[in-house]
Structure formats: C-alpha cells, structure tokens
Amino acid sequence: MSVRLLLSRFSPCLIASRDVFHFSVIDYMAKDYARTDRIAEQIQRELADLIRLEVKDPRVRKVTLTGVEVTNDHAHAKVFYTSLDGDSPELLQGLERAAGFLRSQLAHAMKLRITPQLHFVYDASIERGAHLSQLIDQAVASDKKD
C-alpha cells in the first residue's frame, strides 16, 4: 500500500497539489528499499546453495546463513551466519577465503549491474535466544518450587 493511499484514507485534506510530489518521492524511496530487500533475500538463497553445493572448503560445511543486509547502492552486503560449532575463527577464514568465488558466482546467477562485496558477520542471536529461553525455564522452575 502506498503512502499516498494510506494518507488519503485517513486524512484526505493532507493531499494537496504541492504535497503530491513529496509523497511520490516517498513512494519511490519505499520501492527502492523493497528492491534492496528482495536483492538481499535472493543473495541469501543463492549463497546458501553455493556454499552447500560448490564450496569445497571443509571449514565452511556447517554454516547457516541467517540474513543478508545490502547497502542502498548495492556495493556491499553483510552476510550474517551462524554455526553449530559456535563462532570459530577457522569458519570466518573459510568464508572470507571463499568470498571472491562466491561473489563471482553471484554475478553469474543474479545479473546485477553491481555485485556486492561480501562481508561475513557472525550472528549470535540464536545463542542469545537459547540462553534467554534457558533463563526463563529456570525462573519458571524456581517459581513452581516456591
């Protein structure tokens, strides 16, 4: 739903001739961000397949990609990953070593004008979530004892 339609629904008096241009710029910017999100999702899918099927480095076998953030100019992409083995420097080294290969394969698969440089960042949110869940379970168990 566009911003113009949303605002016209709730306050029709806000839409004036001088405001239409402003809202159309906002609509354009919102579409640009949506495209960036779609590109990030596609990069995540392609990278997951490439890591699973093409990368031969044994350090990179047990990795899960949890998300990708692409800059607005599509020049850089942060690739968030996690692993069952936790955050290991060997895993990061393996991903960084494969980054050039992965980028070249992305260029062939996605047909973008600019293929983003890949920057790998360990995502500890799953570990934090498991830790918080454990703390909640302990609190509930202690409440039942009392």
N, C-alpha and C. Protein backbone atom coordinates (compact mmCIF):
# COMPACT_ATOMS: atom_id res chain seq x y z
N MET A 1 0.86 -1.17 0.00
CA MET A 1 0.00 0.00 0.00
C MET A 1 0.90 1.23 0.00
N SER A 2 0.62 2.15 -0.85
CA SER A 2 1.47 3.32 -0.95
C SER A 2 1.17 4.31 0.17
N VAL A 3 2.13 5.17 0.43
CA VAL A 3 1.97 6.19 1.47
C VAL A 3 0.84 7.14 1.09
N ARG A 4 0.77 7.49 -0.20
CA ARG A 4 -0.26 8.41 -0.65
C ARG A 4 -1.65 7.82 -0.39
N LEU A 5 -1.83 6.55 -0.72
CA LEU A 5 -3.13 5.92 -0.50
C LEU A 5 -3.44 5.82 0.98
N LEU A 6 -2.44 5.47 1.77
CA LEU A 6 -2.63 5.36 3.21
C LEU A 6 -3.02 6.70 3.83
N LEU A 7 -2.32 7.77 3.45
CA LEU A 7 -2.66 9.07 4.00
C LEU A 7 -3.99 9.58 3.48
N SER A 8 -4.31 9.29 2.23
CA SER A 8 -5.59 9.77 1.70
C SER A 8 -6.76 9.05 2.36
N ARG A 9 -6.55 7.84 2.82
CA ARG A 9 -7.60 7.12 3.52
C ARG A 9 -7.94 7.76 4.86
N PHE A 10 -6.90 8.15 5.59
CA PHE A 10 -7.12 8.65 6.94
C PHE A 10 -7.27 10.17 7.02
N SER A 11 -6.65 10.89 6.13
CA SER A 11 -6.77 12.35 6.17
C SER A 11 -6.73 12.90 4.76
N PRO A 12 -7.87 12.93 4.09
CA PRO A 12 -7.89 13.38 2.70
C PRO A 12 -7.48 14.84 2.54
N CYS A 13 -7.55 15.62 3.58
CA CYS A 13 -7.19 17.02 3.45
C CYS A 13 -5.67 17.21 3.34
N LEU A 14 -4.86 16.20 3.67
CA LEU A 14 -3.41 16.33 3.57
C LEU A 14 -2.91 16.29 2.14
N ILE A 15 -3.67 15.68 1.25
CA ILE A 15 -3.23 15.54 -0.13
C ILE A 15 -3.58 16.82 -0.87
N ALA A 16 -2.58 17.63 -1.12
CA ALA A 16 -2.74 18.87 -1.88
C ALA A 16 -1.79 18.80 -3.06
N SER A 17 -1.90 19.72 -3.96
CA SER A 17 -1.10 19.66 -5.18
C SER A 17 0.39 19.74 -4.88
N ARG A 18 0.80 20.53 -3.90
CA ARG A 18 2.23 20.63 -3.61
C ARG A 18 2.73 19.41 -2.83
N ASP A 19 1.84 18.69 -2.15
CA ASP A 19 2.24 17.52 -1.39
C ASP A 19 2.32 16.25 -2.23
N VAL A 20 1.69 16.25 -3.39
CA VAL A 20 1.68 15.04 -4.20
C VAL A 20 3.09 14.68 -4.64
N PHE A 21 3.88 15.67 -5.03
CA PHE A 21 5.26 15.39 -5.43
C PHE A 21 6.04 14.81 -4.26
N HIS A 22 5.87 15.37 -3.08
CA HIS A 22 6.58 14.88 -1.90
C HIS A 22 6.23 13.42 -1.64
N PHE A 23 4.96 13.07 -1.71
CA PHE A 23 4.55 11.71 -1.43
C PHE A 23 5.02 10.76 -2.54
N SER A 24 5.07 11.24 -3.79
CA SER A 24 5.54 10.36 -4.85
C SER A 24 7.03 10.05 -4.67
N VAL A 25 7.80 11.00 -4.11
CA VAL A 25 9.20 10.73 -3.81
C VAL A 25 9.29 9.68 -2.71
N ILE A 26 8.44 9.78 -1.72
CA ILE A 26 8.42 8.78 -0.64
C ILE A 26 8.04 7.42 -1.22
N ASP A 27 7.06 7.38 -2.11
CA ASP A 27 6.68 6.12 -2.75
C ASP A 27 7.87 5.52 -3.48
N TYR A 28 8.61 6.34 -4.22
CA TYR A 28 9.76 5.86 -4.96
C TYR A 28 10.82 5.31 -4.00
N MET A 29 11.07 6.01 -2.90
CA MET A 29 12.06 5.56 -1.93
C MET A 29 11.63 4.25 -1.29
N ALA A 30 10.35 4.10 -1.01
CA ALA A 30 9.87 2.86 -0.40
C ALA A 30 10.06 1.69 -1.37
N LYS A 31 9.82 1.93 -2.66
CA LYS A 31 10.04 0.87 -3.64
C LYS A 31 11.51 0.52 -3.73
N ASP A 32 12.38 1.51 -3.62
CA ASP A 32 13.81 1.25 -3.67
C ASP A 32 14.24 0.35 -2.52
N TYR A 33 13.75 0.62 -1.34
CA TYR A 33 14.09 -0.23 -0.20
C TYR A 33 13.51 -1.63 -0.39
N ALA A 34 12.34 -1.74 -0.95
CA ALA A 34 11.77 -3.06 -1.18
C ALA A 34 12.65 -3.84 -2.17
N ARG A 35 13.20 -3.17 -3.17
CA ARG A 35 14.08 -3.84 -4.13
C ARG A 35 15.35 -4.30 -3.43
N THR A 36 15.87 -3.47 -2.56
CA THR A 36 17.07 -3.84 -1.81
C THR A 36 16.79 -5.07 -0.94
N ASP A 37 15.61 -5.12 -0.33
CA ASP A 37 15.25 -6.29 0.47
C ASP A 37 15.12 -7.53 -0.40
N ARG A 38 14.55 -7.38 -1.57
CA ARG A 38 14.41 -8.53 -2.47
C ARG A 38 15.79 -9.01 -2.94
N ILE A 39 16.68 -8.09 -3.21
CA ILE A 39 18.03 -8.46 -3.61
C ILE A 39 18.74 -9.20 -2.46
N ALA A 40 18.56 -8.70 -1.25
CA ALA A 40 19.18 -9.35 -0.08
C ALA A 40 18.66 -10.77 0.10
N GLU A 41 17.36 -10.96 -0.06
CA GLU A 41 16.80 -12.31 0.07
C GLU A 41 17.32 -13.24 -1.01
N GLN A 42 17.43 -12.73 -2.24
CA GLN A 42 17.94 -13.55 -3.33
C GLN A 42 19.41 -13.89 -3.12
N ILE A 43 20.19 -12.94 -2.63
CA ILE A 43 21.60 -13.21 -2.33
C ILE A 43 21.70 -14.30 -1.27
N GLN A 44 20.86 -14.24 -0.25
CA GLN A 44 20.90 -15.26 0.80
C GLN A 44 20.59 -16.64 0.23
N ARG A 45 19.57 -16.73 -0.63
CA ARG A 45 19.23 -18.03 -1.23
C ARG A 45 20.37 -18.55 -2.11
N GLU A 46 20.92 -17.67 -2.94
CA GLU A 46 22.00 -18.09 -3.85
C GLU A 46 23.24 -18.51 -3.07
N LEU A 47 23.61 -17.73 -2.05
CA LEU A 47 24.80 -18.06 -1.26
C LEU A 47 24.62 -19.38 -0.52
N ALA A 48 23.43 -19.62 0.01
CA ALA A 48 23.19 -20.88 0.71
C ALA A 48 23.38 -22.07 -0.24
N ASP A 49 22.86 -21.95 -1.45
CA ASP A 49 23.04 -23.03 -2.43
C ASP A 49 24.51 -23.17 -2.83
N LEU A 50 25.18 -22.06 -3.05
CA LEU A 50 26.58 -22.12 -3.45
C LEU A 50 27.46 -22.73 -2.36
N ILE A 51 27.23 -22.33 -1.12
CA ILE A 51 28.03 -22.88 -0.02
C ILE A 51 27.77 -24.38 0.12
N ARG A 52 26.54 -24.76 -0.04
CA ARG A 52 26.18 -26.18 0.12
C ARG A 52 26.71 -27.04 -1.02
N LEU A 53 26.65 -26.52 -2.26
CA LEU A 53 26.95 -27.35 -3.42
C LEU A 53 28.33 -27.11 -4.04
N GLU A 54 28.85 -25.90 -3.97
CA GLU A 54 30.05 -25.56 -4.73
C GLU A 54 31.31 -25.39 -3.90
N VAL A 55 31.18 -24.88 -2.68
CA VAL A 55 32.38 -24.62 -1.87
C VAL A 55 32.88 -25.94 -1.30
N LYS A 56 34.16 -26.21 -1.54
CA LYS A 56 34.76 -27.49 -1.13
C LYS A 56 35.51 -27.39 0.19
N ASP A 57 35.61 -26.21 0.74
CA ASP A 57 36.36 -26.00 1.98
C ASP A 57 35.63 -26.67 3.15
N PRO A 58 36.26 -27.60 3.86
CA PRO A 58 35.57 -28.30 4.96
C PRO A 58 35.25 -27.38 6.15
N ARG A 59 35.92 -26.24 6.26
CA ARG A 59 35.64 -25.32 7.36
C ARG A 59 34.27 -24.68 7.23
N VAL A 60 33.73 -24.66 6.02
CA VAL A 60 32.51 -23.92 5.73
C VAL A 60 31.29 -24.85 5.65
N ARG A 61 31.44 -26.09 5.91
CA ARG A 61 30.35 -27.06 5.74
C ARG A 61 29.18 -26.85 6.69
N LYS A 62 29.42 -26.53 7.91
CA LYS A 62 28.35 -26.49 8.92
C LYS A 62 27.87 -25.07 9.19
N VAL A 63 27.71 -24.27 8.16
CA VAL A 63 27.31 -22.88 8.32
C VAL A 63 25.86 -22.71 7.89
N THR A 64 25.16 -21.84 8.60
CA THR A 64 23.79 -21.47 8.24
C THR A 64 23.74 -19.97 8.07
N LEU A 65 23.22 -19.53 6.93
CA LEU A 65 23.08 -18.09 6.69
C LEU A 65 21.76 -17.63 7.29
N THR A 66 21.84 -16.64 8.18
CA THR A 66 20.64 -16.18 8.87
C THR A 66 20.07 -14.90 8.29
N GLY A 67 20.85 -14.18 7.51
CA GLY A 67 20.33 -12.96 6.92
C GLY A 67 21.38 -12.25 6.09
N VAL A 68 20.91 -11.34 5.26
CA VAL A 68 21.79 -10.52 4.43
C VAL A 68 21.25 -9.10 4.45
N GLU A 69 22.12 -8.14 4.65
CA GLU A 69 21.77 -6.72 4.55
C GLU A 69 22.59 -6.12 3.41
N VAL A 70 21.91 -5.49 2.46
CA VAL A 70 22.57 -4.88 1.32
C VAL A 70 22.46 -3.37 1.45
N THR A 71 23.56 -2.67 1.15
CA THR A 71 23.51 -1.21 1.18
C THR A 71 22.65 -0.70 0.04
N ASN A 72 22.23 0.55 0.15
CA ASN A 72 21.32 1.11 -0.86
C ASN A 72 21.95 1.18 -2.25
N ASP A 73 23.27 1.34 -2.31
CA ASP A 73 23.91 1.39 -3.62
C ASP A 73 24.33 0.00 -4.12
N HIS A 74 24.01 -1.04 -3.39
CA HIS A 74 24.26 -2.45 -3.72
C HIS A 74 25.74 -2.76 -3.86
N ALA A 75 26.60 -1.97 -3.25
CA ALA A 75 28.03 -2.20 -3.36
C ALA A 75 28.56 -3.15 -2.29
N HIS A 76 27.87 -3.24 -1.16
CA HIS A 76 28.32 -4.08 -0.05
C HIS A 76 27.15 -4.86 0.51
N ALA A 77 27.44 -6.06 0.99
CA ALA A 77 26.42 -6.89 1.62
C ALA A 77 27.01 -7.53 2.87
N LYS A 78 26.31 -7.34 4.00
CA LYS A 78 26.68 -8.03 5.23
C LYS A 78 25.93 -9.36 5.23
N VAL A 79 26.68 -10.43 5.33
CA VAL A 79 26.10 -11.77 5.35
C VAL A 79 26.22 -12.30 6.77
N PHE A 80 25.09 -12.47 7.43
CA PHE A 80 25.07 -12.95 8.81
C PHE A 80 24.99 -14.47 8.78
N TYR A 81 25.84 -15.10 9.58
CA TYR A 81 25.89 -16.56 9.60
C TYR A 81 25.96 -17.06 11.04
N THR A 82 25.61 -18.32 11.19
CA THR A 82 25.76 -19.00 12.47
C THR A 82 26.21 -20.42 12.18
N SER A 83 26.68 -21.10 13.22
CA SER A 83 27.16 -22.46 13.05
C SER A 83 26.86 -23.26 14.30
N LEU A 84 26.74 -24.56 14.11
CA LEU A 84 26.53 -25.44 15.26
C LEU A 84 27.76 -25.48 16.15
N ASP A 85 28.92 -25.22 15.56
CA ASP A 85 30.17 -25.24 16.32
C ASP A 85 30.45 -23.94 17.05
N GLY A 86 29.57 -22.94 16.88
CA GLY A 86 29.80 -21.65 17.50
C GLY A 86 30.67 -20.77 16.62
N ASP A 87 31.10 -19.67 17.18
CA ASP A 87 31.92 -18.70 16.43
C ASP A 87 33.37 -19.16 16.47
N SER A 88 33.85 -19.63 15.33
CA SER A 88 35.25 -20.06 15.27
C SER A 88 35.99 -19.22 14.23
N PRO A 89 37.22 -18.88 14.51
CA PRO A 89 38.00 -18.10 13.55
C PRO A 89 38.26 -18.87 12.25
N GLU A 90 38.33 -20.21 12.33
CA GLU A 90 38.54 -21.01 11.13
C GLU A 90 37.37 -20.89 10.16
N LEU A 91 36.16 -20.85 10.70
CA LEU A 91 34.97 -20.72 9.87
C LEU A 91 34.97 -19.36 9.16
N LEU A 92 35.27 -18.31 9.89
CA LEU A 92 35.33 -16.98 9.29
C LEU A 92 36.42 -16.91 8.23
N GLN A 93 37.56 -17.52 8.49
CA GLN A 93 38.64 -17.55 7.50
C GLN A 93 38.20 -18.29 6.24
N GLY A 94 37.49 -19.40 6.42
CA GLY A 94 36.99 -20.15 5.26
C GLY A 94 36.00 -19.35 4.44
N LEU A 95 35.10 -18.64 5.12
CA LEU A 95 34.13 -17.81 4.41
C LEU A 95 34.81 -16.65 3.68
N GLU A 96 35.76 -16.01 4.35
CA GLU A 96 36.47 -14.90 3.71
C GLU A 96 37.32 -15.38 2.53
N ARG A 97 37.87 -16.56 2.64
CA ARG A 97 38.65 -17.12 1.54
C ARG A 97 37.75 -17.44 0.34
N ALA A 98 36.53 -17.86 0.60
CA ALA A 98 35.59 -18.21 -0.48
C ALA A 98 34.81 -17.01 -0.99
N ALA A 99 34.98 -15.84 -0.39
CA ALA A 99 34.17 -14.66 -0.73
C ALA A 99 34.32 -14.26 -2.19
N GLY A 100 35.51 -14.30 -2.72
CA GLY A 100 35.72 -13.94 -4.12
C GLY A 100 35.01 -14.89 -5.06
N PHE A 101 35.13 -16.18 -4.80
CA PHE A 101 34.45 -17.19 -5.60
C PHE A 101 32.94 -17.02 -5.51
N LEU A 102 32.44 -16.81 -4.29
CA LEU A 102 31.00 -16.64 -4.10
C LEU A 102 30.49 -15.40 -4.82
N ARG A 103 31.26 -14.33 -4.77
CA ARG A 103 30.86 -13.10 -5.45
C ARG A 103 30.81 -13.30 -6.96
N SER A 104 31.79 -13.99 -7.51
CA SER A 104 31.78 -14.21 -8.96
C SER A 104 30.61 -15.10 -9.37
N GLN A 105 30.29 -16.08 -8.56
CA GLN A 105 29.14 -16.94 -8.87
C GLN A 105 27.82 -16.19 -8.73
N LEU A 106 27.76 -15.28 -7.75
CA LEU A 106 26.57 -14.42 -7.62
C LEU A 106 26.39 -13.54 -8.85
N ALA A 107 27.50 -13.03 -9.38
CA ALA A 107 27.43 -12.18 -10.56
C ALA A 107 26.84 -12.94 -11.74
N HIS A 108 27.19 -14.20 -11.88
CA HIS A 108 26.64 -15.00 -12.98
C HIS A 108 25.17 -15.35 -12.74
N ALA A 109 24.81 -15.58 -11.49
CA ALA A 109 23.46 -16.04 -11.19
C ALA A 109 22.43 -14.93 -11.13
N MET A 110 22.83 -13.72 -10.71
CA MET A 110 21.83 -12.70 -10.41
C MET A 110 21.72 -11.59 -11.45
N LYS A 111 22.68 -11.41 -12.29
CA LYS A 111 22.61 -10.41 -13.35
C LYS A 111 22.35 -9.00 -12.82
N LEU A 112 23.09 -8.61 -11.80
CA LEU A 112 23.02 -7.26 -11.27
C LEU A 112 24.09 -6.40 -11.93
N ARG A 113 23.85 -5.11 -12.00
CA ARG A 113 24.86 -4.21 -12.55
C ARG A 113 26.08 -4.17 -11.64
N ILE A 114 25.84 -4.16 -10.34
CA ILE A 114 26.91 -4.17 -9.35
C ILE A 114 26.70 -5.38 -8.44
N THR A 115 27.69 -6.24 -8.39
CA THR A 115 27.62 -7.37 -7.47
C THR A 115 28.28 -6.94 -6.17
N PRO A 116 27.56 -7.03 -5.06
CA PRO A 116 28.11 -6.50 -3.81
C PRO A 116 29.31 -7.28 -3.28
N GLN A 117 30.20 -6.56 -2.61
CA GLN A 117 31.28 -7.21 -1.88
C GLN A 117 30.67 -7.86 -0.65
N LEU A 118 31.11 -9.06 -0.33
CA LEU A 118 30.53 -9.82 0.77
C LEU A 118 31.36 -9.64 2.03
N HIS A 119 30.69 -9.27 3.11
CA HIS A 119 31.31 -9.12 4.42
C HIS A 119 30.57 -10.06 5.37
N PHE A 120 31.28 -11.02 5.94
CA PHE A 120 30.66 -12.03 6.79
C PHE A 120 30.72 -11.60 8.26
N VAL A 121 29.56 -11.71 8.93
CA VAL A 121 29.43 -11.31 10.33
C VAL A 121 28.75 -12.45 11.08
N TYR A 122 29.36 -12.86 12.19
CA TYR A 122 28.76 -13.93 12.99
C TYR A 122 27.50 -13.42 13.68
N ASP A 123 26.43 -14.19 13.61
CA ASP A 123 25.14 -13.83 14.19
C ASP A 123 24.94 -14.65 15.47
N ALA A 124 25.06 -13.98 16.60
CA ALA A 124 24.93 -14.67 17.89
C ALA A 124 23.51 -14.64 18.42
N SER A 125 22.54 -14.19 17.62
CA SER A 125 21.17 -14.05 18.12
C SER A 125 20.55 -15.40 18.50
N ILE A 126 20.89 -16.45 17.80
CA ILE A 126 20.33 -17.77 18.13
C ILE A 126 20.86 -18.24 19.47
N GLU A 127 22.14 -18.04 19.71
CA GLU A 127 22.72 -18.41 21.01
C GLU A 127 22.12 -17.57 22.13
N ARG A 128 21.94 -16.26 21.88
CA ARG A 128 21.32 -15.40 22.89
C ARG A 128 19.88 -15.84 23.16
N GLY A 129 19.16 -16.20 22.11
CA GLY A 129 17.79 -16.66 22.27
C GLY A 129 17.72 -17.94 23.08
N ALA A 130 18.62 -18.88 22.81
CA ALA A 130 18.65 -20.13 23.57
C ALA A 130 19.00 -19.86 25.03
N HIS A 131 19.93 -18.93 25.27
CA HIS A 131 20.30 -18.57 26.64
C HIS A 131 19.13 -17.93 27.38
N LEU A 132 18.43 -17.01 26.72
CA LEU A 132 17.26 -16.38 27.35
C LEU A 132 16.16 -17.40 27.62
N SER A 133 15.96 -18.32 26.71
CA SER A 133 14.97 -19.36 26.91
C SER A 133 15.33 -20.24 28.12
N GLN A 134 16.61 -20.53 28.26
CA GLN A 134 17.08 -21.31 29.40
C GLN A 134 16.85 -20.54 30.71
N LEU A 135 17.11 -19.23 30.70
CA LEU A 135 16.88 -18.42 31.90
C LEU A 135 15.39 -18.37 32.26
N ILE A 136 14.54 -18.27 31.26
CA ILE A 136 13.09 -18.25 31.51
C ILE A 136 12.65 -19.59 32.09
N ASP A 137 13.17 -20.68 31.55
CA ASP A 137 12.82 -22.01 32.06
C ASP A 137 13.28 -22.17 33.52
N GLN A 138 14.45 -21.65 33.83
CA GLN A 138 14.94 -21.71 35.21
C GLN A 138 14.07 -20.88 36.15
N ALA A 139 13.63 -19.70 35.68
CA ALA A 139 12.78 -18.85 36.51
C ALA A 139 11.43 -19.51 36.75
N VAL A 140 10.87 -20.14 35.73
CA VAL A 140 9.57 -20.82 35.87
C VAL A 140 9.73 -22.01 36.82
N ALA A 141 10.82 -22.73 36.70
CA ALA A 141 11.05 -23.90 37.58
C ALA A 141 11.22 -23.44 39.03
N SER A 142 11.90 -22.33 39.26
CA SER A 142 12.08 -21.84 40.63
C SER A 142 10.76 -21.31 41.20
N ASP A 143 9.89 -20.75 40.34
CA ASP A 143 8.57 -20.28 40.80
C ASP A 143 7.69 -21.46 41.19
N LYS A 144 7.81 -22.57 40.48
CA LYS A 144 7.00 -23.76 40.80
C LYS A 144 7.43 -24.38 42.11
N LYS A 145 8.73 -24.27 42.45
CA LYS A 145 9.22 -24.80 43.71
C LYS A 145 8.67 -24.01 44.89
N ASP A 146 8.48 -22.71 44.70
CA ASP A 146 8.02 -21.84 45.80
C ASP A 146 6.57 -21.92 46.05
